[in-house]
């Protein structure tokens, strides 16, 4: 039983690596970005954010 579990774990490792790699590249090459559908900020708010993050 221990050999069976050990074999299954070692088979799962490459499978997980492939799934992680595929999902990473799907997210990297997907068009757009998470912020492309948001409303634009008013100029005063944008200036305030830039002022606070420049420090």
Protein backbone atom coordinates (compact mmCIF):
# COMPACT_ATOMS: atom_id res chain seq x y z
CA UNK A 1 0.00 0.00 0.00
CA UNK A 2 2.85 2.37 0.81
CA UNK A 3 4.44 1.76 -2.61
CA UNK A 4 1.13 2.54 -4.30
CA UNK A 5 0.76 5.85 -2.47
CA UNK A 6 4.38 6.76 -3.11
CA UNK A 7 3.98 5.98 -6.81
CA UNK A 8 0.83 8.11 -7.03
CA UNK A 9 2.56 11.04 -5.31
CA UNK A 10 5.51 10.87 -7.70
CA UNK A 11 3.13 10.73 -10.66
CA UNK A 12 1.21 13.73 -9.33
CA UNK A 13 4.28 15.99 -9.09
CA UNK A 14 4.91 16.28 -12.87
CA UNK A 15 1.18 16.62 -13.48
CA UNK A 16 0.97 19.54 -11.07
CA UNK A 17 4.03 21.19 -12.61
CA UNK A 18 2.50 20.93 -16.09
CA UNK A 19 -0.82 22.35 -14.87
CA UNK A 20 0.90 25.24 -13.10
CA UNK A 21 3.02 26.01 -16.16
CA UNK A 22 0.07 25.91 -18.56
CA UNK A 23 -2.08 28.13 -16.34
CA UNK A 24 0.81 30.59 -15.90
CA UNK A 25 1.31 30.96 -19.65
CA UNK A 26 -2.43 31.20 -20.30
CA UNK A 27 -2.65 34.10 -17.87
CA UNK A 28 0.48 35.79 -19.26
CA UNK A 29 -0.66 35.66 -22.88
CA UNK A 30 -4.32 36.50 -22.29
CA UNK A 31 -5.31 39.80 -23.92
CA UNK A 32 -5.89 42.85 -21.77
CA UNK A 33 -5.22 43.20 -18.10
CA UNK A 34 -7.32 43.16 -14.93
CA UNK A 35 -7.61 46.95 -14.93
CA UNK A 36 -8.58 47.54 -18.57
CA UNK A 37 -12.32 47.37 -17.88
CA UNK A 38 -12.31 49.76 -14.92
CA UNK A 39 -13.58 53.31 -15.10
CA UNK A 40 -10.88 55.98 -15.43
CA UNK A 41 -10.04 57.94 -12.31
CA UNK A 42 -10.77 61.65 -12.13
CA UNK A 43 -7.65 63.78 -12.73
CA UNK A 44 -7.59 65.06 -9.13
CA UNK A 45 -7.64 61.54 -7.71
CA UNK A 46 -4.94 60.39 -10.13
CA UNK A 47 -2.73 63.36 -9.20
CA UNK A 48 -3.24 62.63 -5.49
CA UNK A 49 -2.27 58.97 -5.96
CA UNK A 50 0.84 59.90 -7.93
CA UNK A 51 1.80 62.46 -5.28
CA UNK A 52 1.46 59.91 -2.46
CA UNK A 53 3.27 57.09 -4.25
CA UNK A 54 6.19 59.28 -5.38
CA UNK A 55 7.53 59.46 -1.84
